[in-house]
Amino acid sequence: MNIIKIGGSLTYYIKPLLESLKSYKREEIIIIPGGGKFADTLREIDKNLSLSPSISHKLAIKCMDILGEVFSDIGGIKAYDNLFDLKREIKKERIAILLPSKLLLSTDISEHSWNVTSDSLTLYISKFLNVKNIIIATDVDGIYDKYPEGKLLNIIKADMIKGLTAVDEYFPTLLKSLNKIAYVVNGKYPERIIDILEGRNTICTKIIP
């Protein structure tokens, strides 16, 4: 089983990626949506109206559900709001989208902060599913030593990220504590994600604990 978090930055490029993942039948794939423009709008509202951290956290997670429904409609991939149905049905379809709000809000496993975005929430979900490797699909090739004109890092230890681009602030700490491995890859090139699934070298950054 593989978890692929698809960031909101890929929303307008999503169809080829979803088609490619849907046609890949060799392993099971669970897609976790980011919050996208919906979460960006919420962040702007919070900035201007000073919402409580708990309500911002709750609504940001619900934004992931909304984008997940969008991905489901565009890709023709079934979406589920609980792990029981997802685990049962993914055996048939080989791919599914998780709408994560029920799971994340009922367990309340993460801190209520904008430091914890869908990147870190995907790590928490991987814990429930006992998945070791996580793919973070975004709109850049990976993590750079300097951005935007730096060198792409093929592999990096979590401790060394220190605020570099592509993942949220809490992600490196959480990845290390959960002993996970993550790949940051450009989802505009679906073949790179397939390379990772197949264990081939490709353009991406591997983050190790």
C-alpha atoms as a PDB file:
ATOM      1  CA  MET A   1       0.000   0.000   0.000  1.00  0.00           C
ATOM      2  CA  ASN A   2       1.286   3.453  -0.931  1.00  0.00           C
ATOM      3  CA  ILE A   3       0.261   6.892   0.294  1.00  0.00           C
ATOM      4  CA  ILE A   4       0.536   9.778  -2.151  1.00  0.00           C
ATOM      5  CA  LYS A   5      -0.273  13.243  -0.868  1.00  0.00           C
ATOM      6  CA  ILE A   6      -1.224  15.516  -3.744  1.00  0.00           C
ATOM      7  CA  GLY A   7      -0.757  19.175  -2.959  1.00  0.00           C
ATOM      8  CA  GLY A   8      -3.239  21.854  -3.900  1.00  0.00           C
ATOM      9  CA  SER A   9      -0.578  23.446  -6.105  1.00  0.00           C
ATOM     10  CA  LEU A  10      -1.270  20.639  -8.599  1.00  0.00           C
ATOM     11  CA  THR A  11      -5.022  21.255  -8.818  1.00  0.00           C
ATOM     12  CA  TYR A  12      -4.912  22.698 -12.323  1.00  0.00           C
ATOM     13  CA  TYR A  13      -2.515  19.993 -13.523  1.00  0.00           C
ATOM     14  CA  ILE A  14      -4.229  17.101 -11.797  1.00  0.00           C
ATOM     15  CA  LYS A  15      -5.964  15.164 -14.562  1.00  0.00           C
ATOM     16  CA  PRO A  16      -2.884  13.523 -16.181  1.00  0.00           C
ATOM     17  CA  LEU A  17      -1.537  12.606 -12.741  1.00  0.00           C
ATOM     18  CA  LEU A  18      -4.797  10.997 -11.604  1.00  0.00           C
ATOM     19  CA  GLU A  19      -5.142   9.137 -14.907  1.00  0.00           C
ATOM     20  CA  SER A  20      -1.615   7.789 -14.578  1.00  0.00           C
ATOM     21  CA  LEU A  21      -2.133   6.655 -10.981  1.00  0.00           C
ATOM     22  CA  LYS A  22      -5.508   5.110 -11.777  1.00  0.00           C
ATOM     23  CA  SER A  23      -4.017   3.048 -14.595  1.00  0.00           C
ATOM     24  CA  TYR A  24      -1.200   1.791 -12.350  1.00  0.00           C
ATOM     25  CA  LYS A  25      -2.546  -1.464 -10.966  1.00  0.00           C
ATOM     26  CA  ARG A  26       0.537  -3.148  -9.522  1.00  0.00           C
ATOM     27  CA  GLU A  27       0.119  -1.767  -6.001  1.00  0.00           C
ATOM     28  CA  GLU A  28      -2.593  -0.138  -3.921  1.00  0.00           C
ATOM     29  CA  ILE A  29      -2.543   3.663  -3.837  1.00  0.00           C
ATOM     30  CA  ILE A  30      -4.207   5.934  -1.300  1.00  0.00           C
ATOM     31  CA  ILE A  31      -4.388   9.585  -2.298  1.00  0.00           C
ATOM     32  CA  ILE A  32      -4.420  12.229   0.442  1.00  0.00           C
ATOM     33  CA  PRO A  33      -5.474  15.675  -0.835  1.00  0.00           C
ATOM     34  CA  GLY A  34      -3.967  18.928   0.296  1.00  0.00           C
ATOM     35  CA  GLY A  35      -6.103  21.917   1.172  1.00  0.00           C
ATOM     36  CA  GLY A  36      -5.319  23.953  -1.928  1.00  0.00           C
ATOM     37  CA  LYS A  37      -6.940  27.303  -2.610  1.00  0.00           C
ATOM     38  CA  PHE A  38      -9.631  26.486  -0.069  1.00  0.00           C
ATOM     39  CA  ALA A  39      -7.062  26.391   2.735  1.00  0.00           C
ATOM     40  CA  ASP A  40      -5.327  29.482   1.331  1.00  0.00           C
ATOM     41  CA  THR A  41      -8.611  31.398   1.582  1.00  0.00           C
ATOM     42  CA  LEU A  42      -9.115  30.160   5.130  1.00  0.00           C
ATOM     43  CA  ARG A  43      -5.582  31.228   6.058  1.00  0.00           C
ATOM     44  CA  GLU A  44      -6.317  34.735   4.730  1.00  0.00           C
ATOM     45  CA  ILE A  45      -9.562  34.884   6.741  1.00  0.00           C
ATOM     46  CA  ASP A  46      -7.689  33.758   9.840  1.00  0.00           C
ATOM     47  CA  LYS A  47      -5.007  36.387   9.244  1.00  0.00           C
ATOM     48  CA  ASN A  48      -7.590  39.166   9.090  1.00  0.00           C
ATOM     49  CA  LEU A  49     -10.107  37.967  11.681  1.00  0.00           C
ATOM     50  CA  SER A  50      -7.844  36.087  14.135  1.00  0.00           C
ATOM     51  CA  LEU A  51      -9.786  32.854  14.383  1.00  0.00           C
ATOM     52  CA  SER A  52      -9.036  30.524  17.265  1.00  0.00           C
ATOM     53  CA  PRO A  53      -6.323  27.939  16.498  1.00  0.00           C
ATOM     54  CA  SER A  54      -8.778  25.088  17.016  1.00  0.00           C
ATOM     55  CA  ILE A  55     -11.363  26.345  14.536  1.00  0.00           C
ATOM     56  CA  SER A  56      -8.664  27.170  11.964  1.00  0.00           C
ATOM     57  CA  HIS A  57      -7.262  23.658  12.365  1.00  0.00           C
ATOM     58  CA  LYS A  58     -10.697  22.063  12.036  1.00  0.00           C
ATOM     59  CA  LEU A  59     -11.674  24.041   8.950  1.00  0.00           C
ATOM     60  CA  ALA A  60      -8.287  23.543   7.274  1.00  0.00           C
ATOM     61  CA  ILE A  61      -8.723  19.777   7.582  1.00  0.00           C
ATOM     62  CA  LYS A  62     -12.203  20.077   6.086  1.00  0.00           C
ATOM     63  CA  CYS A  63     -10.612  21.913   3.157  1.00  0.00           C
ATOM     64  CA  MET A  64      -8.717  18.683   2.449  1.00  0.00           C
ATOM     65  CA  ASP A  65     -12.058  16.895   2.139  1.00  0.00           C
ATOM     66  CA  ILE A  66     -13.299  19.494  -0.345  1.00  0.00           C
ATOM     67  CA  LEU A  67     -10.251  19.185  -2.572  1.00  0.00           C
ATOM     68  CA  GLY A  68     -10.488  15.409  -2.272  1.00  0.00           C
ATOM     69  CA  GLU A  69     -14.018  15.558  -3.693  1.00  0.00           C
ATOM     70  CA  VAL A  70     -12.698  17.686  -6.555  1.00  0.00           C
ATOM     71  CA  PHE A  71      -9.963  15.122  -7.299  1.00  0.00           C
ATOM     72  CA  SER A  72     -12.533  12.318  -7.099  1.00  0.00           C
ATOM     73  CA  ASP A  73     -14.760  13.979  -9.653  1.00  0.00           C
ATOM     74  CA  ILE A  74     -11.949  14.867 -12.064  1.00  0.00           C
ATOM     75  CA  GLY A  75     -10.194  11.507 -11.855  1.00  0.00           C
ATOM     76  CA  GLY A  76     -13.180   9.195 -11.536  1.00  0.00           C
ATOM     77  CA  ILE A  77     -11.628   7.762  -8.376  1.00  0.00           C
ATOM     78  CA  LYS A  78     -13.819   6.801  -5.434  1.00  0.00           C
ATOM     79  CA  ALA A  79     -13.416   8.794  -2.228  1.00  0.00           C
ATOM     80  CA  TYR A  80     -13.979   7.454   1.288  1.00  0.00           C
ATOM     81  CA  ASP A  81     -14.304   9.241   4.613  1.00  0.00           C
ATOM     82  CA  ASN A  82     -13.247   6.277   6.791  1.00  0.00           C
ATOM     83  CA  LEU A  83     -10.524   3.643   6.787  1.00  0.00           C
ATOM     84  CA  PHE A  84     -12.884   0.679   7.127  1.00  0.00           C
ATOM     85  CA  ASP A  85     -14.594   1.265   3.786  1.00  0.00           C
ATOM     86  CA  LEU A  86     -11.387   2.402   2.118  1.00  0.00           C
ATOM     87  CA  LYS A  87      -9.425  -0.718   3.091  1.00  0.00           C
ATOM     88  CA  ARG A  88     -12.278  -2.972   1.962  1.00  0.00           C
ATOM     89  CA  GLU A  89     -12.881  -1.293  -1.393  1.00  0.00           C
ATOM     90  CA  ILE A  90      -9.296  -0.568  -2.400  1.00  0.00           C
ATOM     91  CA  LYS A  91      -8.773  -4.297  -2.919  1.00  0.00           C
ATOM     92  CA  LYS A  92     -11.064  -4.015  -5.952  1.00  0.00           C
ATOM     93  CA  GLU A  93     -10.144  -0.634  -7.396  1.00  0.00           C
ATOM     94  CA  ARG A  94      -6.437  -0.552  -6.351  1.00  0.00           C
ATOM     95  CA  ILE A  95      -6.745   3.193  -5.800  1.00  0.00           C
ATOM     96  CA  ALA A  96      -8.818   5.415  -3.513  1.00  0.00           C
ATOM     97  CA  ILE A  97      -8.978   8.950  -2.163  1.00  0.00           C
ATOM     98  CA  LEU A  98      -9.198   9.436   1.579  1.00  0.00           C
ATOM     99  CA  LEU A  99     -11.303  12.346   2.826  1.00  0.00           C
ATOM    100  CA  PRO A 100      -9.438  12.665   6.111  1.00  0.00           C
ATOM    101  CA  SER A 101     -11.489  14.982   8.331  1.00  0.00           C
ATOM    102  CA  LYS A 102     -13.375  12.281  10.272  1.00  0.00           C
ATOM    103  CA  LEU A 103     -10.175  10.398  11.070  1.00  0.00           C
ATOM    104  CA  LEU A 104      -8.080  13.433  11.943  1.00  0.00           C
ATOM    105  CA  LEU A 105     -10.718  15.318  13.933  1.00  0.00           C
ATOM    106  CA  SER A 106     -11.911  12.290  15.890  1.00  0.00           C
ATOM    107  CA  THR A 107      -8.366  11.349  16.922  1.00  0.00           C
ATOM    108  CA  ASP A 108      -7.204  14.989  17.295  1.00  0.00           C
ATOM    109  CA  ILE A 109      -3.672  13.696  16.977  1.00  0.00           C
ATOM    110  CA  SER A 110      -1.896  16.874  15.843  1.00  0.00           C
ATOM    111  CA  GLU A 111      -1.295  20.299  17.295  1.00  0.00           C
ATOM    112  CA  HIS A 112      -3.663  23.091  16.243  1.00  0.00           C
ATOM    113  CA  SER A 113      -1.290  25.269  14.257  1.00  0.00           C
ATOM    114  CA  TRP A 114      -0.572  26.437  10.724  1.00  0.00           C
ATOM    115  CA  ASN A 115       2.852  24.812  11.216  1.00  0.00           C
ATOM    116  CA  VAL A 116       1.023  21.517  10.717  1.00  0.00           C
ATOM    117  CA  THR A 117      -0.404  21.330   7.195  1.00  0.00           C
ATOM    118  CA  SER A 118      -1.572  18.460   5.021  1.00  0.00           C
ATOM    119  CA  ASP A 119       2.071  17.332   4.679  1.00  0.00           C
ATOM    120  CA  SER A 120       2.397  16.453   8.364  1.00  0.00           C
ATOM    121  CA  LEU A 121      -1.209  15.268   8.554  1.00  0.00           C
ATOM    122  CA  THR A 122      -0.362  12.754   5.835  1.00  0.00           C
ATOM    123  CA  LEU A 123       2.398  11.390   8.072  1.00  0.00           C
ATOM    124  CA  TYR A 124      -0.111  10.943  10.879  1.00  0.00           C
ATOM    125  CA  ILE A 125      -2.430   9.086   8.506  1.00  0.00           C
ATOM    126  CA  SER A 126       0.439   6.822   7.428  1.00  0.00           C
ATOM    127  CA  LYS A 127       0.781   5.791  11.058  1.00  0.00           C
ATOM    128  CA  PHE A 128      -2.819   4.562  11.135  1.00  0.00           C
ATOM    129  CA  LEU A 129      -2.254   2.629   7.916  1.00  0.00           C
ATOM    130  CA  ASN A 130       1.169   1.288   8.912  1.00  0.00           C
ATOM    131  CA  VAL A 131       2.755   2.611   5.718  1.00  0.00           C
ATOM    132  CA  LYS A 132       6.495   3.258   5.792  1.00  0.00           C
ATOM    133  CA  ASN A 133       7.016   5.326   2.632  1.00  0.00           C
ATOM    134  CA  ILE A 134       5.093   8.468   1.729  1.00  0.00           C
ATOM    135  CA  ILE A 135       5.156  10.359  -1.549  1.00  0.00           C
ATOM    136  CA  ILE A 136       4.553  14.118  -1.449  1.00  0.00           C
ATOM    137  CA  ALA A 137       3.531  15.288  -4.926  1.00  0.00           C
ATOM    138  CA  THR A 138       3.918  19.020  -5.383  1.00  0.00           C
ATOM    139  CA  ASP A 139       4.752  21.542  -8.126  1.00  0.00           C
ATOM    140  CA  VAL A 140       8.544  21.553  -7.643  1.00  0.00           C
ATOM    141  CA  ASP A 141      11.131  18.860  -8.327  1.00  0.00           C
ATOM    142  CA  GLY A 142      12.026  18.351  -4.664  1.00  0.00           C
ATOM    143  CA  ILE A 143      13.975  20.130  -1.940  1.00  0.00           C
ATOM    144  CA  TYR A 144      16.770  22.521  -2.859  1.00  0.00           C
ATOM    145  CA  ASP A 145      19.764  23.675  -0.847  1.00  0.00           C
ATOM    146  CA  LYS A 146      18.697  27.197  -1.884  1.00  0.00           C
ATOM    147  CA  TYR A 147      15.474  28.236  -3.528  1.00  0.00           C
ATOM    148  CA  PRO A 148      14.722  29.059  -6.313  1.00  0.00           C
ATOM    149  CA  GLU A 149      18.197  28.846  -7.859  1.00  0.00           C
ATOM    150  CA  GLY A 150      19.862  26.234  -5.697  1.00  0.00           C
ATOM    151  CA  LYS A 151      20.839  22.628  -6.224  1.00  0.00           C
ATOM    152  CA  LEU A 152      18.224  19.889  -6.050  1.00  0.00           C
ATOM    153  CA  LEU A 153      19.012  17.509  -3.193  1.00  0.00           C
ATOM    154  CA  ASN A 154      18.599  13.840  -4.101  1.00  0.00           C
ATOM    155  CA  ILE A 155      18.556  12.747  -0.465  1.00  0.00           C
ATOM    156  CA  ILE A 156      18.480  14.622   2.826  1.00  0.00           C
ATOM    157  CA  LYS A 157      18.180  13.784   6.504  1.00  0.00           C
ATOM    158  CA  ALA A 158      15.121  15.214   8.224  1.00  0.00           C
ATOM    159  CA  ASP A 159      17.279  17.174  10.670  1.00  0.00           C
ATOM    160  CA  MET A 160      18.945  19.040   7.810  1.00  0.00           C
ATOM    161  CA  ILE A 161      15.822  20.479   6.166  1.00  0.00           C
ATOM    162  CA  LYS A 162      15.536  23.444   8.555  1.00  0.00           C
ATOM    163  CA  GLY A 163      12.789  25.342   6.799  1.00  0.00           C
ATOM    164  CA  LEU A 164      13.771  24.552   3.211  1.00  0.00           C
ATOM    165  CA  THR A 165      10.925  24.547   0.713  1.00  0.00           C
ATOM    166  CA  ALA A 166       8.317  21.945  -0.234  1.00  0.00           C
ATOM    167  CA  VAL A 167       7.174  20.606   3.166  1.00  0.00           C
ATOM    168  CA  ASP A 168       5.697  22.251   6.240  1.00  0.00           C
ATOM    169  CA  GLU A 169       7.668  23.314   9.289  1.00  0.00           C
ATOM    170  CA  TYR A 170       6.708  20.379  11.513  1.00  0.00           C
ATOM    171  CA  PHE A 171       7.169  17.699   8.842  1.00  0.00           C
ATOM    172  CA  PRO A 172      10.880  16.895   9.452  1.00  0.00           C
ATOM    173  CA  THR A 173      10.407  16.491  13.217  1.00  0.00           C
ATOM    174  CA  LEU A 174       7.368  14.273  12.776  1.00  0.00           C
ATOM    175  CA  LEU A 175       8.952  12.166  10.051  1.00  0.00           C
ATOM    176  CA  LYS A 176      11.904  11.453  12.317  1.00  0.00           C
ATOM    177  CA  SER A 177       9.749  10.618  15.349  1.00  0.00           C
ATOM    178  CA  LEU A 178       7.558   8.236  13.320  1.00  0.00           C
ATOM    179  CA  ASN A 179      10.594   6.738  11.528  1.00  0.00           C
ATOM    180  CA  LYS A 180       9.108   7.256   8.071  1.00  0.00           C
ATOM    181  CA  ILE A 181      10.660   7.876   4.655  1.00  0.00           C
ATOM    182  CA  ALA A 182       9.239  10.489   2.297  1.00  0.00           C
ATOM    183  CA  TYR A 183       9.784  11.405  -1.323  1.00  0.00           C
ATOM    184  CA  VAL A 184       9.112  14.938  -2.558  1.00  0.00           C
ATOM    185  CA  VAL A 185       8.428  14.874  -6.297  1.00  0.00           C
ATOM    186  CA  ASN A 186       6.996  17.067  -9.037  1.00  0.00           C
ATOM    187  CA  GLY A 187       3.495  15.784  -9.782  1.00  0.00           C
ATOM    188  CA  LYS A 188       3.446  17.545 -13.141  1.00  0.00           C
ATOM    189  CA  TYR A 189       5.545  14.589 -14.295  1.00  0.00           C
ATOM    190  CA  PRO A 190       3.470  11.506 -13.345  1.00  0.00           C
ATOM    191  CA  GLU A 191       6.172   9.177 -14.656  1.00  0.00           C
ATOM    192  CA  ARG A 192       8.430  10.267 -11.783  1.00  0.00           C
ATOM    193  CA  ILE A 193       5.883   9.052  -9.244  1.00  0.00           C
ATOM    194  CA  ILE A 194       5.627   5.758 -11.097  1.00  0.00           C
ATOM    195  CA  ASP A 195       9.436   5.513 -10.966  1.00  0.00           C
ATOM    196  CA  ILE A 196       9.308   5.870  -7.172  1.00  0.00           C
ATOM    197  CA  LEU A 197       6.594   3.224  -6.918  1.00  0.00           C
ATOM    198  CA  GLU A 198       8.717   0.919  -9.060  1.00  0.00           C
ATOM    199  CA  GLY A 199      11.879   1.574  -7.057  1.00  0.00           C
ATOM    200  CA  ARG A 200      13.694   3.309  -9.905  1.00  0.00           C
ATOM    201  CA  ASN A 201      15.904   6.373  -9.625  1.00  0.00           C
ATOM    202  CA  THR A 202      14.176   9.566 -10.691  1.00  0.00           C
ATOM    203  CA  ILE A 203      14.178  13.332 -10.159  1.00  0.00           C
ATOM    204  CA  CYS A 204      13.002  13.859  -6.583  1.00  0.00           C
ATOM    205  CA  THR A 205      14.221  14.305  -3.020  1.00  0.00           C
ATOM    206  CA  LYS A 206      14.229  11.407  -0.599  1.00  0.00           C
ATOM    207  CA  ILE A 207      13.888  12.432   3.061  1.00  0.00           C
ATOM    208  CA  ILE A 208      15.195   9.924   5.578  1.00  0.00           C
ATOM    209  CA  PRO A 209      14.704  10.013   9.376  1.00  0.00           C
END
